[in-house]
Amino acid sequence: MLDAGLENNSEQPQVNQQASRQVSRMTRQRALIMAELRSVTSHPTADEIYAMVRRKLPRISLGTVYRNLDLLTDNNEILCLEYAGFQKRFDGNVNDHQHVRCMHCGRVADVTLEVPTPELPKNMYVPDFTVLCARVEFFGVCESCRQAEMAARHECA
């Protein structure tokens, strides 16, 4: 009985390795999703990526796009930009850089200035947390929303 248990334990890593190889295999759908995402700098939502990919693969499902975006994010091949109150957006540029988000419409753009990420203090203590990293985020109003605000003000005057 003990020997059978040892055999099962030794087989488990092989099964897991095979499963992870299958999951990370670059399928045609996944490659197209990544290529479409990397061809734009608009930081699209999953629905926008779905619309982009459907032009070339009309039978792809929205669920397939979501699953592949999750997998690509988990594998650090793309970035998932999440902010409370806004839809997730995705970025094909995985190099270190910051973003600015419009507080009205949620549009995201890359910040072209090199902004240093703050270092965590060595004695940093937050109850019930282990702080792993910090990031710099910028928020503002995009040009389209600013113009819409100005037009609305002129209508009211």
Protein backbone atom coordinates (compact mmCIF):
# COMPACT_ATOMS: atom_id res chain seq x y z
CA MET A 1 0.00 0.00 0.00
CA LEU A 2 2.76 2.44 0.86
CA ASP A 3 4.50 1.70 -2.45
CA ALA A 4 1.32 2.47 -4.42
CA GLY A 5 1.07 5.85 -2.71
CA LEU A 6 4.65 6.66 -3.62
CA GLU A 7 4.04 5.68 -7.23
CA ASN A 8 1.04 8.00 -7.46
CA ASN A 9 3.01 10.88 -5.99
CA SER A 10 5.82 10.39 -8.47
CA GLU A 11 3.37 10.35 -11.40
CA GLN A 12 1.55 13.51 -10.34
CA PRO A 13 4.26 16.00 -11.41
CA GLN A 14 4.33 14.44 -14.87
CA VAL A 15 0.57 14.86 -15.25
CA ASN A 16 0.77 18.47 -14.03
CA GLN A 17 3.65 19.20 -16.41
CA GLN A 18 1.64 17.83 -19.34
CA ALA A 19 -1.41 19.89 -18.34
CA SER A 20 0.62 23.08 -18.04
CA ARG A 21 2.24 22.45 -21.44
CA GLN A 22 -1.21 22.07 -23.01
CA VAL A 23 -2.50 25.23 -21.32
CA SER A 24 0.45 27.35 -22.38
CA ARG A 25 0.53 26.02 -25.96
CA MET A 26 0.16 28.97 -28.34
CA THR A 27 -3.07 28.28 -30.20
CA ARG A 28 -4.09 30.13 -33.35
CA GLN A 29 -6.79 31.94 -31.39
CA ARG A 30 -4.43 32.96 -28.60
CA ALA A 31 -1.80 34.14 -31.07
CA LEU A 32 -4.38 36.27 -32.90
CA ILE A 33 -5.69 37.77 -29.64
CA MET A 34 -2.15 38.70 -28.63
CA ALA A 35 -1.31 40.07 -32.10
CA GLU A 36 -4.46 42.22 -32.19
CA LEU A 37 -3.79 43.53 -28.70
CA ARG A 38 -0.17 44.36 -29.52
CA SER A 39 -1.23 46.16 -32.72
CA VAL A 40 -3.05 48.90 -30.75
CA THR A 41 -2.18 51.28 -27.95
CA SER A 42 -5.77 51.96 -26.92
CA HIS A 43 -5.77 49.49 -24.00
CA PRO A 44 -9.00 47.82 -25.14
CA THR A 45 -11.57 46.00 -23.01
CA ALA A 46 -12.22 42.29 -23.52
CA ASP A 47 -15.33 43.15 -25.57
CA GLU A 48 -13.30 45.44 -27.81
CA ILE A 49 -10.65 42.74 -28.30
CA TYR A 50 -13.43 40.26 -29.11
CA ALA A 51 -14.74 42.60 -31.83
CA MET A 52 -11.21 43.00 -33.24
CA VAL A 53 -10.55 39.26 -33.32
CA ARG A 54 -13.99 38.36 -34.76
CA ARG A 55 -13.12 40.20 -37.96
CA LYS A 56 -10.50 37.52 -38.63
CA LEU A 57 -12.03 34.57 -36.72
CA PRO A 58 -15.82 35.04 -36.99
CA ARG A 59 -16.61 31.85 -35.04
CA ILE A 60 -14.55 32.68 -31.94
CA SER A 61 -16.65 32.98 -28.79
CA LEU A 62 -16.50 35.74 -26.21
CA GLY A 63 -15.75 33.09 -23.58
CA THR A 64 -12.71 31.94 -25.55
CA VAL A 65 -11.43 35.51 -25.68
CA TYR A 66 -11.92 35.96 -21.92
CA ARG A 67 -10.21 32.63 -21.10
CA ASN A 68 -7.25 33.46 -23.35
CA LEU A 69 -6.90 36.97 -21.91
CA ASP A 70 -6.82 35.45 -18.41
CA LEU A 71 -4.21 32.89 -19.47
CA LEU A 72 -2.05 35.48 -21.24
CA THR A 73 -2.26 37.70 -18.15
CA ASP A 74 -1.37 34.80 -15.83
CA ASN A 75 1.64 34.01 -18.06
CA ASN A 76 2.75 37.70 -17.98
CA GLU A 77 2.45 37.94 -21.76
CA ILE A 78 0.00 40.86 -21.50
CA LEU A 79 -1.07 43.27 -18.75
CA CYS A 80 -4.53 43.45 -17.24
CA LEU A 81 -5.32 46.96 -16.01
CA GLU A 82 -7.87 46.88 -13.22
CA TYR A 83 -9.22 49.89 -11.39
CA ALA A 84 -12.23 49.92 -9.08
CA GLY A 85 -15.32 51.20 -10.85
CA PHE A 86 -13.96 50.66 -14.38
CA GLN A 87 -13.93 47.79 -16.87
CA LYS A 88 -10.72 45.78 -17.11
CA ARG A 89 -8.49 46.89 -19.96
CA PHE A 90 -5.57 45.06 -21.51
CA ASP A 91 -2.12 46.12 -22.66
CA GLY A 92 0.15 44.19 -25.00
CA ASN A 93 3.16 46.17 -23.79
CA VAL A 94 4.57 44.33 -20.78
CA ASN A 95 7.59 46.61 -20.37
CA ASP A 96 7.67 48.76 -17.23
CA HIS A 97 5.55 51.85 -17.84
CA GLN A 98 2.73 53.80 -16.24
CA HIS A 99 -0.76 54.66 -17.40
CA VAL A 100 -3.16 57.56 -17.13
CA ARG A 101 -6.90 56.87 -16.90
CA CYS A 102 -9.71 59.28 -17.72
CA MET A 103 -11.90 59.62 -14.66
CA HIS A 104 -14.97 60.22 -16.85
CA CYS A 105 -14.91 57.60 -19.62
CA GLY A 106 -12.22 55.17 -18.38
CA ARG A 107 -9.96 55.60 -21.43
CA VAL A 108 -6.35 54.58 -20.71
CA ALA A 109 -3.13 55.83 -22.30
CA ASP A 110 0.55 55.15 -21.74
CA VAL A 111 2.56 57.75 -19.85
CA THR A 112 5.64 58.49 -21.91
CA LEU A 113 7.67 60.05 -19.10
CA GLU A 114 9.91 57.73 -17.16
CA VAL A 115 8.47 57.83 -13.66
CA PRO A 116 10.36 55.96 -10.95
CA THR A 117 8.35 53.50 -8.92
CA PRO A 118 8.63 54.33 -5.22
CA GLU A 119 10.73 51.98 -3.14
CA LEU A 120 9.02 50.27 -0.28
CA PRO A 121 10.35 51.38 3.11
CA LYS A 122 12.30 48.60 4.80
CA ASN A 123 10.31 49.01 8.01
CA MET A 124 6.91 49.20 6.26
CA TYR A 125 4.20 47.54 8.31
CA VAL A 126 0.55 47.22 7.36
CA PRO A 127 -1.52 45.05 9.72
CA ASP A 128 -2.64 41.78 8.09
CA PHE A 129 -0.67 42.44 4.87
CA THR A 130 2.65 41.63 3.35
CA VAL A 131 3.27 44.48 0.93
CA LEU A 132 4.95 43.15 -2.21
CA CYS A 133 5.21 46.12 -4.53
CA ALA A 134 4.03 49.62 -5.38
CA ARG A 135 2.93 51.25 -8.62
CA VAL A 136 2.35 54.76 -9.85
CA GLU A 137 -1.04 55.53 -11.42
CA PHE A 138 -2.21 58.76 -12.97
CA PHE A 139 -5.81 59.93 -13.28
CA GLY A 140 -7.13 62.84 -15.29
CA VAL A 141 -9.60 63.85 -17.97
CA CYS A 142 -9.02 62.90 -21.62
CA GLU A 143 -9.27 65.46 -24.40
CA SER A 144 -12.63 64.13 -25.66
CA CYS A 145 -14.22 64.38 -22.22
CA ARG A 146 -12.67 67.80 -21.61
CA GLN A 147 -14.11 69.10 -24.89
CA ALA A 148 -17.52 67.59 -24.07
CA GLU A 149 -17.44 69.33 -20.67
CA MET A 150 -16.56 72.65 -22.30
CA ALA A 151 -19.36 72.25 -24.88
CA ALA A 152 -21.86 71.45 -22.11
CA ARG A 153 -20.79 74.57 -20.21
CA HIS A 154 -21.30 76.72 -23.32
CA GLU A 155 -24.78 75.28 -23.81
CA CYS A 156 -25.71 76.16 -20.24
CA ALA A 157 -24.43 79.74 -20.55
